[in-house]
Amino acid sequence: MNTAFRRWPMWGVFALLAAACAPAWVPVIGKNPEVQTHAVLGIKTVRIHRIAVLPLINAAGVPDDAGDTITAELQARMALEAEWDLVPASDVDDALSKLPPTTANNLQSNALALGKAVQADGVIYGKVQTYRERVGADYAAASPAEVAFSLDLVALSNKQVIWSARFEREQQSLTENVFEVYDFIKHQGRWLLAHEIAQQGVDQAVKNLHSKLNLQEQIEHFKVPQYEGPFDDNSTMN
């Protein structure tokens, strides 16, 4: 057996079986989110309904496609949430073709220029700090995947960042961290790929953002239609 590869310990299998047989109400450890978020105190007073996503940029040494991968996941996840209007990716691409290339130095200014071009209330932008792919197979990895990225939401009305999220995670075995048991059960003891870890971070971040924004006021409540026509209360139909 090649001891260089990381394998799930046998006792982890017993943990999986025990958890599968446990009552649904039993709390499972290891479910704490890896996303750290911050929102300004007045976020509920800022009107944010139409949102654009500026493609994430990559830090030095990060694979070229990492930013595009997380951006696509972010757009897809946000499209599933109701109550806000997500600017189509094609409209974002058209607007960006008329702007300078986005770099670390002009990240926020390009986000604001994009928001103005597509008439958005806010723009999400960010950076991928780490995107390391798993080395090895599903159940025997020489090196686990690791992902770290940051997101910011800037409001066009005041040009201020009103929400931020930071995500960083490297998958660990149960021998290294017993709090991984929830993830172990969820993924059947499998070592995750980088994009799967990124999906977890994006999902947590979008859920948090959705809960922070004051979106309820943007909903148009159903109204009984008022009909106008040639008939009045004294009219009859033959």
C-alpha atoms as a PDB file:
ATOM      1  CA  MET A   1       0.000   0.000   0.000  1.00  0.00           C
ATOM      2  CA  ASN A   2       1.304   3.431  -0.919  1.00  0.00           C
ATOM      3  CA  THR A   3       1.355   5.359   2.368  1.00  0.00           C
ATOM      4  CA  ALA A   4       1.849   8.623   0.479  1.00  0.00           C
ATOM      5  CA  PHE A   5      -1.838   8.625  -0.352  1.00  0.00           C
ATOM      6  CA  ARG A   6      -4.384   9.872   2.154  1.00  0.00           C
ATOM      7  CA  ARG A   7      -7.159   7.382   2.873  1.00  0.00           C
ATOM      8  CA  TRP A   8     -10.206   7.661   5.066  1.00  0.00           C
ATOM      9  CA  PRO A   9      -9.634   5.681   8.309  1.00  0.00           C
ATOM     10  CA  MET A  10     -11.754   2.622   9.080  1.00  0.00           C
ATOM     11  CA  TRP A  11     -13.304   4.324  12.097  1.00  0.00           C
ATOM     12  CA  GLY A  12     -14.593   6.975   9.731  1.00  0.00           C
ATOM     13  CA  VAL A  13     -16.653   4.313   7.981  1.00  0.00           C
ATOM     14  CA  PHE A  14     -18.239   3.430  11.321  1.00  0.00           C
ATOM     15  CA  ALA A  15     -18.966   7.124  11.883  1.00  0.00           C
ATOM     16  CA  LEU A  16     -20.729   7.221   8.541  1.00  0.00           C
ATOM     17  CA  LEU A  17     -22.859   4.191   9.376  1.00  0.00           C
ATOM     18  CA  ALA A  18     -23.696   5.532  12.820  1.00  0.00           C
ATOM     19  CA  ALA A  19     -24.711   8.913  11.453  1.00  0.00           C
ATOM     20  CA  ALA A  20     -26.860   7.286   8.780  1.00  0.00           C
ATOM     21  CA  CYS A  21     -28.786   5.421  11.467  1.00  0.00           C
ATOM     22  CA  ALA A  22     -29.103   8.385  13.817  1.00  0.00           C
ATOM     23  CA  PRO A  23     -32.415  10.254  14.251  1.00  0.00           C
ATOM     24  CA  ALA A  24     -32.906  13.191  11.927  1.00  0.00           C
ATOM     25  CA  TRP A  25     -32.933  15.641  14.824  1.00  0.00           C
ATOM     26  CA  VAL A  26     -29.474  14.685  16.100  1.00  0.00           C
ATOM     27  CA  PRO A  27     -27.093  17.606  15.421  1.00  0.00           C
ATOM     28  CA  VAL A  28     -24.105  16.840  13.207  1.00  0.00           C
ATOM     29  CA  ILE A  29     -20.775  18.453  13.995  1.00  0.00           C
ATOM     30  CA  GLY A  30     -18.658  20.069  11.329  1.00  0.00           C
ATOM     31  CA  LYS A  31     -21.421  22.095   9.678  1.00  0.00           C
ATOM     32  CA  ASN A  32     -19.988  25.517  10.529  1.00  0.00           C
ATOM     33  CA  PRO A  33     -19.659  27.663   7.396  1.00  0.00           C
ATOM     34  CA  GLU A  34     -16.199  28.485   6.078  1.00  0.00           C
ATOM     35  CA  VAL A  35     -17.447  31.796   4.650  1.00  0.00           C
ATOM     36  CA  GLN A  36     -16.778  34.877   6.736  1.00  0.00           C
ATOM     37  CA  THR A  37     -19.063  37.791   5.850  1.00  0.00           C
ATOM     38  CA  HIS A  38     -19.439  41.435   6.795  1.00  0.00           C
ATOM     39  CA  ALA A  39     -22.237  43.872   5.999  1.00  0.00           C
ATOM     40  CA  VAL A  40     -22.428  47.566   6.813  1.00  0.00           C
ATOM     41  CA  LEU A  41     -25.013  48.585   9.386  1.00  0.00           C
ATOM     42  CA  GLY A  42     -27.093  50.481   6.842  1.00  0.00           C
ATOM     43  CA  ILE A  43     -27.256  47.753   4.225  1.00  0.00           C
ATOM     44  CA  LYS A  44     -31.038  47.458   4.634  1.00  0.00           C
ATOM     45  CA  THR A  45     -31.468  51.096   3.663  1.00  0.00           C
ATOM     46  CA  VAL A  46     -29.565  50.795   0.373  1.00  0.00           C
ATOM     47  CA  ARG A  47     -31.694  49.913  -2.629  1.00  0.00           C
ATOM     48  CA  ILE A  48     -30.107  46.924  -4.334  1.00  0.00           C
ATOM     49  CA  HIS A  49     -32.334  45.126  -6.806  1.00  0.00           C
ATOM     50  CA  ARG A  50     -30.437  44.853 -10.087  1.00  0.00           C
ATOM     51  CA  ILE A  51     -27.029  43.201  -9.595  1.00  0.00           C
ATOM     52  CA  ALA A  52     -24.157  42.566 -12.004  1.00  0.00           C
ATOM     53  CA  VAL A  53     -21.256  40.170 -11.477  1.00  0.00           C
ATOM     54  CA  LEU A  54     -17.829  41.356 -12.590  1.00  0.00           C
ATOM     55  CA  PRO A  55     -15.678  38.297 -13.465  1.00  0.00           C
ATOM     56  CA  LEU A  56     -13.307  37.485 -10.626  1.00  0.00           C
ATOM     57  CA  ILE A  57      -9.615  38.127 -11.168  1.00  0.00           C
ATOM     58  CA  ASN A  58      -6.813  35.736 -10.168  1.00  0.00           C
ATOM     59  CA  ALA A  59      -3.957  36.293  -7.765  1.00  0.00           C
ATOM     60  CA  ALA A  60      -0.443  35.478  -8.933  1.00  0.00           C
ATOM     61  CA  GLY A  61       0.086  31.749  -9.356  1.00  0.00           C
ATOM     62  CA  VAL A  62      -3.616  30.904  -9.584  1.00  0.00           C
ATOM     63  CA  PRO A  63      -4.675  28.941 -12.709  1.00  0.00           C
ATOM     64  CA  ASP A  64      -6.022  31.166 -15.481  1.00  0.00           C
ATOM     65  CA  ASP A  65      -9.454  29.522 -15.529  1.00  0.00           C
ATOM     66  CA  ALA A  66     -10.052  29.711 -11.763  1.00  0.00           C
ATOM     67  CA  GLY A  67     -11.714  33.131 -11.832  1.00  0.00           C
ATOM     68  CA  ASP A  68     -13.971  32.160 -14.727  1.00  0.00           C
ATOM     69  CA  THR A  69     -14.957  28.924 -12.965  1.00  0.00           C
ATOM     70  CA  ILE A  70     -16.018  30.665  -9.748  1.00  0.00           C
ATOM     71  CA  THR A  71     -17.668  33.516 -11.683  1.00  0.00           C
ATOM     72  CA  ALA A  72     -19.816  31.041 -13.625  1.00  0.00           C
ATOM     73  CA  GLU A  73     -20.787  29.286 -10.396  1.00  0.00           C
ATOM     74  CA  LEU A  74     -21.641  32.627  -8.769  1.00  0.00           C
ATOM     75  CA  GLN A  75     -23.831  33.701 -11.689  1.00  0.00           C
ATOM     76  CA  ALA A  76     -25.596  30.331 -11.787  1.00  0.00           C
ATOM     77  CA  ARG A  77     -26.242  30.312  -8.036  1.00  0.00           C
ATOM     78  CA  MET A  78     -27.502  33.900  -7.999  1.00  0.00           C
ATOM     79  CA  ALA A  79     -29.830  33.175 -10.915  1.00  0.00           C
ATOM     80  CA  LEU A  80     -31.619  30.630  -8.722  1.00  0.00           C
ATOM     81  CA  GLU A  81     -32.445  33.191  -6.038  1.00  0.00           C
ATOM     82  CA  ALA A  82     -35.639  35.176  -6.400  1.00  0.00           C
ATOM     83  CA  GLU A  83     -36.332  38.856  -5.679  1.00  0.00           C
ATOM     84  CA  TRP A  84     -33.265  40.375  -7.333  1.00  0.00           C
ATOM     85  CA  ASP A  85     -32.598  41.056 -10.995  1.00  0.00           C
ATOM     86  CA  LEU A  86     -29.322  39.527 -12.183  1.00  0.00           C
ATOM     87  CA  VAL A  87     -27.721  41.241 -15.173  1.00  0.00           C
ATOM     88  CA  PRO A  88     -27.181  38.621 -17.931  1.00  0.00           C
ATOM     89  CA  ALA A  89     -23.578  37.559 -18.458  1.00  0.00           C
ATOM     90  CA  SER A  90     -23.798  38.547 -22.121  1.00  0.00           C
ATOM     91  CA  ASP A  91     -24.667  42.141 -21.141  1.00  0.00           C
ATOM     92  CA  VAL A  92     -21.731  42.161 -18.719  1.00  0.00           C
ATOM     93  CA  ASP A  93     -19.370  40.930 -21.447  1.00  0.00           C
ATOM     94  CA  ASP A  94     -20.593  43.600 -23.866  1.00  0.00           C
ATOM     95  CA  ALA A  95     -20.038  46.356 -21.309  1.00  0.00           C
ATOM     96  CA  LEU A  96     -16.598  45.056 -20.317  1.00  0.00           C
ATOM     97  CA  SER A  97     -15.462  45.040 -23.942  1.00  0.00           C
ATOM     98  CA  LYS A  98     -15.608  48.849 -23.783  1.00  0.00           C
ATOM     99  CA  LEU A  99     -13.649  49.085 -20.485  1.00  0.00           C
ATOM    100  CA  PRO A 100      -9.960  48.622 -19.690  1.00  0.00           C
ATOM    101  CA  PRO A 101      -8.914  45.090 -18.648  1.00  0.00           C
ATOM    102  CA  THR A 102      -9.725  44.483 -14.992  1.00  0.00           C
ATOM    103  CA  THR A 103      -6.720  44.291 -12.664  1.00  0.00           C
ATOM    104  CA  ALA A 104      -6.118  44.464  -8.937  1.00  0.00           C
ATOM    105  CA  ASN A 105      -5.475  48.192  -9.290  1.00  0.00           C
ATOM    106  CA  ASN A 106      -8.770  49.098 -11.006  1.00  0.00           C
ATOM    107  CA  LEU A 107     -11.024  46.391  -9.619  1.00  0.00           C
ATOM    108  CA  GLN A 108     -13.519  48.636  -7.835  1.00  0.00           C
ATOM    109  CA  SER A 109     -13.442  51.414 -10.440  1.00  0.00           C
ATOM    110  CA  ASN A 110     -14.168  48.893 -13.192  1.00  0.00           C
ATOM    111  CA  ALA A 111     -16.990  47.450 -11.073  1.00  0.00           C
ATOM    112  CA  LEU A 112     -18.550  50.906 -10.765  1.00  0.00           C
ATOM    113  CA  ALA A 113     -18.108  51.581 -14.494  1.00  0.00           C
ATOM    114  CA  LEU A 114     -19.729  48.227 -15.282  1.00  0.00           C
ATOM    115  CA  GLY A 115     -22.637  48.976 -12.966  1.00  0.00           C
ATOM    116  CA  LYS A 116     -23.245  52.309 -14.625  1.00  0.00           C
ATOM    117  CA  ALA A 117     -23.093  50.769 -18.106  1.00  0.00           C
ATOM    118  CA  VAL A 118     -25.658  48.049 -17.333  1.00  0.00           C
ATOM    119  CA  GLN A 119     -27.784  50.239 -15.025  1.00  0.00           C
ATOM    120  CA  ALA A 120     -27.215  48.032 -11.995  1.00  0.00           C
ATOM    121  CA  ASP A 121     -27.802  49.025  -8.384  1.00  0.00           C
ATOM    122  CA  GLY A 122     -24.806  47.023  -7.250  1.00  0.00           C
ATOM    123  CA  VAL A 123     -21.887  45.039  -8.619  1.00  0.00           C
ATOM    124  CA  ILE A 124     -20.182  42.003  -7.115  1.00  0.00           C
ATOM    125  CA  TYR A 125     -16.476  41.734  -7.788  1.00  0.00           C
ATOM    126  CA  GLY A 126     -13.704  39.673  -6.262  1.00  0.00           C
ATOM    127  CA  LYS A 127     -10.426  37.840  -6.395  1.00  0.00           C
ATOM    128  CA  VAL A 128      -9.318  34.209  -6.282  1.00  0.00           C
ATOM    129  CA  GLN A 129      -6.401  33.863  -3.877  1.00  0.00           C
ATOM    130  CA  THR A 130      -5.981  30.066  -4.028  1.00  0.00           C
ATOM    131  CA  TYR A 131      -7.225  27.399  -6.410  1.00  0.00           C
ATOM    132  CA  ARG A 132      -5.299  24.164  -5.984  1.00  0.00           C
ATOM    133  CA  GLU A 133      -6.676  21.011  -7.557  1.00  0.00           C
ATOM    134  CA  ARG A 134      -6.785  17.644  -5.810  1.00  0.00           C
ATOM    135  CA  VAL A 135      -3.942  15.260  -6.629  1.00  0.00           C
ATOM    136  CA  GLY A 136      -5.096  11.667  -6.677  1.00  0.00           C
ATOM    137  CA  ALA A 137      -8.366   9.791  -6.911  1.00  0.00           C
ATOM    138  CA  ASP A 138     -11.771  10.153  -5.241  1.00  0.00           C
ATOM    139  CA  TYR A 139     -10.901   7.913  -2.298  1.00  0.00           C
ATOM    140  CA  ALA A 140      -7.101   8.196  -2.213  1.00  0.00           C
ATOM    141  CA  ALA A 141      -5.581  11.633  -2.599  1.00  0.00           C
ATOM    142  CA  ALA A 142      -1.915  12.546  -2.326  1.00  0.00           C
ATOM    143  CA  SER A 143      -2.895  16.201  -1.872  1.00  0.00           C
ATOM    144  CA  PRO A 144      -6.366  17.656  -1.202  1.00  0.00           C
ATOM    145  CA  ALA A 145      -7.982  20.519  -3.107  1.00  0.00           C
ATOM    146  CA  GLU A 146      -7.845  24.002  -1.630  1.00  0.00           C
ATOM    147  CA  VAL A 147      -9.813  27.128  -2.604  1.00  0.00           C
ATOM    148  CA  ALA A 148      -9.802  30.688  -1.298  1.00  0.00           C
ATOM    149  CA  PHE A 149     -11.590  33.703  -2.739  1.00  0.00           C
ATOM    150  CA  SER A 150     -13.071  37.049  -1.725  1.00  0.00           C
ATOM    151  CA  LEU A 151     -16.225  38.869  -2.852  1.00  0.00           C
ATOM    152  CA  ASP A 152     -17.372  42.468  -2.428  1.00  0.00           C
ATOM    153  CA  LEU A 153     -20.660  44.156  -3.306  1.00  0.00           C
ATOM    154  CA  VAL A 154     -20.350  47.837  -4.175  1.00  0.00           C
ATOM    155  CA  ALA A 155     -23.453  50.034  -4.300  1.00  0.00           C
ATOM    156  CA  LEU A 156     -23.746  52.442  -7.221  1.00  0.00           C
ATOM    157  CA  SER A 157     -25.732  54.949  -5.160  1.00  0.00           C
ATOM    158  CA  ASN A 158     -22.907  55.760  -2.727  1.00  0.00           C
ATOM    159  CA  LYS A 159     -19.930  53.959  -4.340  1.00  0.00           C
ATOM    160  CA  GLN A 160     -19.342  52.104  -1.067  1.00  0.00           C
ATOM    161  CA  VAL A 161     -18.751  48.411  -0.407  1.00  0.00           C
ATOM    162  CA  ILE A 162     -21.770  47.356   1.632  1.00  0.00           C
ATOM    163  CA  TRP A 163     -21.115  43.586   1.873  1.00  0.00           C
ATOM    164  CA  SER A 164     -18.064  41.362   1.764  1.00  0.00           C
ATOM    165  CA  ALA A 165     -17.393  37.629   1.938  1.00  0.00           C
ATOM    166  CA  ARG A 166     -14.181  35.692   2.427  1.00  0.00           C
ATOM    167  CA  PHE A 167     -13.950  31.941   1.815  1.00  0.00           C
ATOM    168  CA  GLU A 168     -11.005  29.625   2.416  1.00  0.00           C
ATOM    169  CA  ARG A 169     -11.043  25.875   2.657  1.00  0.00           C
ATOM    170  CA  GLU A 170      -8.731  22.899   2.288  1.00  0.00           C
ATOM    171  CA  GLN A 171     -10.424  19.536   2.670  1.00  0.00           C
ATOM    172  CA  GLN A 172      -9.070  17.455   5.544  1.00  0.00           C
ATOM    173  CA  SER A 173      -9.413  13.832   6.563  1.00  0.00           C
ATOM    174  CA  LEU A 174     -11.188  12.806   9.737  1.00  0.00           C
ATOM    175  CA  THR A 175      -7.834  11.918  11.309  1.00  0.00           C
ATOM    176  CA  GLU A 176      -6.770  15.545  10.826  1.00  0.00           C
ATOM    177  CA  ASN A 177     -10.059  17.206  11.769  1.00  0.00           C
ATOM    178  CA  VAL A 178     -12.990  15.367  13.367  1.00  0.00           C
ATOM    179  CA  PHE A 179     -15.257  18.295  12.440  1.00  0.00           C
ATOM    180  CA  GLU A 180     -15.039  17.112   8.812  1.00  0.00           C
ATOM    181  CA  VAL A 181     -17.519  14.323   9.648  1.00  0.00           C
ATOM    182  CA  TYR A 182     -20.485  16.234   8.155  1.00  0.00           C
ATOM    183  CA  ASP A 183     -18.672  16.759   4.872  1.00  0.00           C
ATOM    184  CA  PHE A 184     -17.431  13.171   5.007  1.00  0.00           C
ATOM    185  CA  ILE A 185     -20.995  11.877   5.219  1.00  0.00           C
ATOM    186  CA  LYS A 186     -22.382  14.293   2.636  1.00  0.00           C
ATOM    187  CA  HIS A 187     -19.825  13.312   0.005  1.00  0.00           C
ATOM    188  CA  GLN A 188     -19.603   9.617   0.956  1.00  0.00           C
ATOM    189  CA  GLY A 189     -16.009   9.810   2.095  1.00  0.00           C
ATOM    190  CA  ARG A 190     -14.785  11.228  -1.199  1.00  0.00           C
ATOM    191  CA  TRP A 191     -11.986  13.748  -1.705  1.00  0.00           C
ATOM    192  CA  LEU A 192     -13.505  16.756  -3.456  1.00  0.00           C
ATOM    193  CA  LEU A 193     -12.343  18.553  -6.574  1.00  0.00           C
ATOM    194  CA  ALA A 194     -11.512  22.258  -6.422  1.00  0.00           C
ATOM    195  CA  HIS A 195     -14.693  23.356  -8.211  1.00  0.00           C
ATOM    196  CA  GLU A 196     -16.810  21.372  -5.720  1.00  0.00           C
ATOM    197  CA  ILE A 197     -15.209  23.203  -2.810  1.00  0.00           C
ATOM    198  CA  ALA A 198     -15.721  26.486  -4.661  1.00  0.00           C
ATOM    199  CA  GLN A 199     -19.416  25.631  -5.081  1.00  0.00           C
ATOM    200  CA  GLN A 200     -19.764  25.263  -1.315  1.00  0.00           C
ATOM    201  CA  GLY A 201     -18.235  28.679  -0.742  1.00  0.00           C
ATOM    202  CA  VAL A 202     -20.360  30.367  -3.392  1.00  0.00           C
ATOM    203  CA  ASP A 203     -23.527  28.750  -2.061  1.00  0.00           C
ATOM    204  CA  GLN A 204     -22.858  29.966   1.481  1.00  0.00           C
ATOM    205  CA  ALA A 205     -21.945  33.464   0.293  1.00  0.00           C
ATOM    206  CA  VAL A 206     -25.030  33.908  -1.914  1.00  0.00           C
ATOM    207  CA  LYS A 207     -27.358  32.677   0.821  1.00  0.00           C
ATOM    208  CA  ASN A 208     -25.833  35.177   3.239  1.00  0.00           C
ATOM    209  CA  LEU A 209     -26.089  38.061   0.767  1.00  0.00           C
ATOM    210  CA  HIS A 210     -29.707  37.232   0.022  1.00  0.00           C
ATOM    211  CA  SER A 211     -30.523  37.341   3.730  1.00  0.00           C
ATOM    212  CA  LYS A 212     -28.752  40.666   4.250  1.00  0.00           C
ATOM    213  CA  LEU A 213     -30.301  42.707   1.429  1.00  0.00           C
ATOM    214  CA  ASN A 214     -33.667  44.373   1.851  1.00  0.00           C
ATOM    215  CA  LEU A 215     -35.317  42.626  -1.070  1.00  0.00           C
ATOM    216  CA  GLN A 216     -38.852  42.270   0.251  1.00  0.00           C
ATOM    217  CA  GLU A 217     -39.681  45.871  -0.590  1.00  0.00           C
ATOM    218  CA  GLN A 218     -38.857  45.232  -4.224  1.00  0.00           C
ATOM    219  CA  ILE A 219     -41.618  42.626  -4.669  1.00  0.00           C
ATOM    220  CA  GLU A 220     -44.669  43.764  -6.603  1.00  0.00           C
ATOM    221  CA  HIS A 221     -47.651  42.357  -4.779  1.00  0.00           C
ATOM    222  CA  PHE A 222     -50.449  40.798  -6.787  1.00  0.00           C
ATOM    223  CA  LYS A 223     -53.309  43.155  -7.487  1.00  0.00           C
ATOM    224  CA  VAL A 224     -56.811  42.333  -8.698  1.00  0.00           C
ATOM    225  CA  PRO A 225     -56.989  43.723 -12.249  1.00  0.00           C
ATOM    226  CA  GLN A 226     -59.414  46.548 -12.855  1.00  0.00           C
ATOM    227  CA  TYR A 227     -61.288  46.078 -16.101  1.00  0.00           C
ATOM    228  CA  GLU A 228     -62.619  48.937 -18.156  1.00  0.00           C
ATOM    229  CA  GLY A 229     -65.131  48.425 -20.898  1.00  0.00           C
ATOM    230  CA  PRO A 230     -68.540  49.247 -22.308  1.00  0.00           C
ATOM    231  CA  PHE A 231     -70.395  47.468 -19.506  1.00  0.00           C
ATOM    232  CA  ASP A 232     -71.479  49.014 -16.234  1.00  0.00           C
ATOM    233  CA  ASP A 233     -73.546  47.771 -13.306  1.00  0.00           C
ATOM    234  CA  ASN A 234     -76.789  48.235 -15.242  1.00  0.00           C
ATOM    235  CA  SER A 235     -75.560  46.477 -18.360  1.00  0.00           C
ATOM    236  CA  THR A 236     -76.684  42.997 -19.286  1.00  0.00           C
ATOM    237  CA  MET A 237     -75.252  40.475 -21.643  1.00  0.00           C
ATOM    238  CA  ASN A 238     -77.546  38.715 -24.090  1.00  0.00           C
END
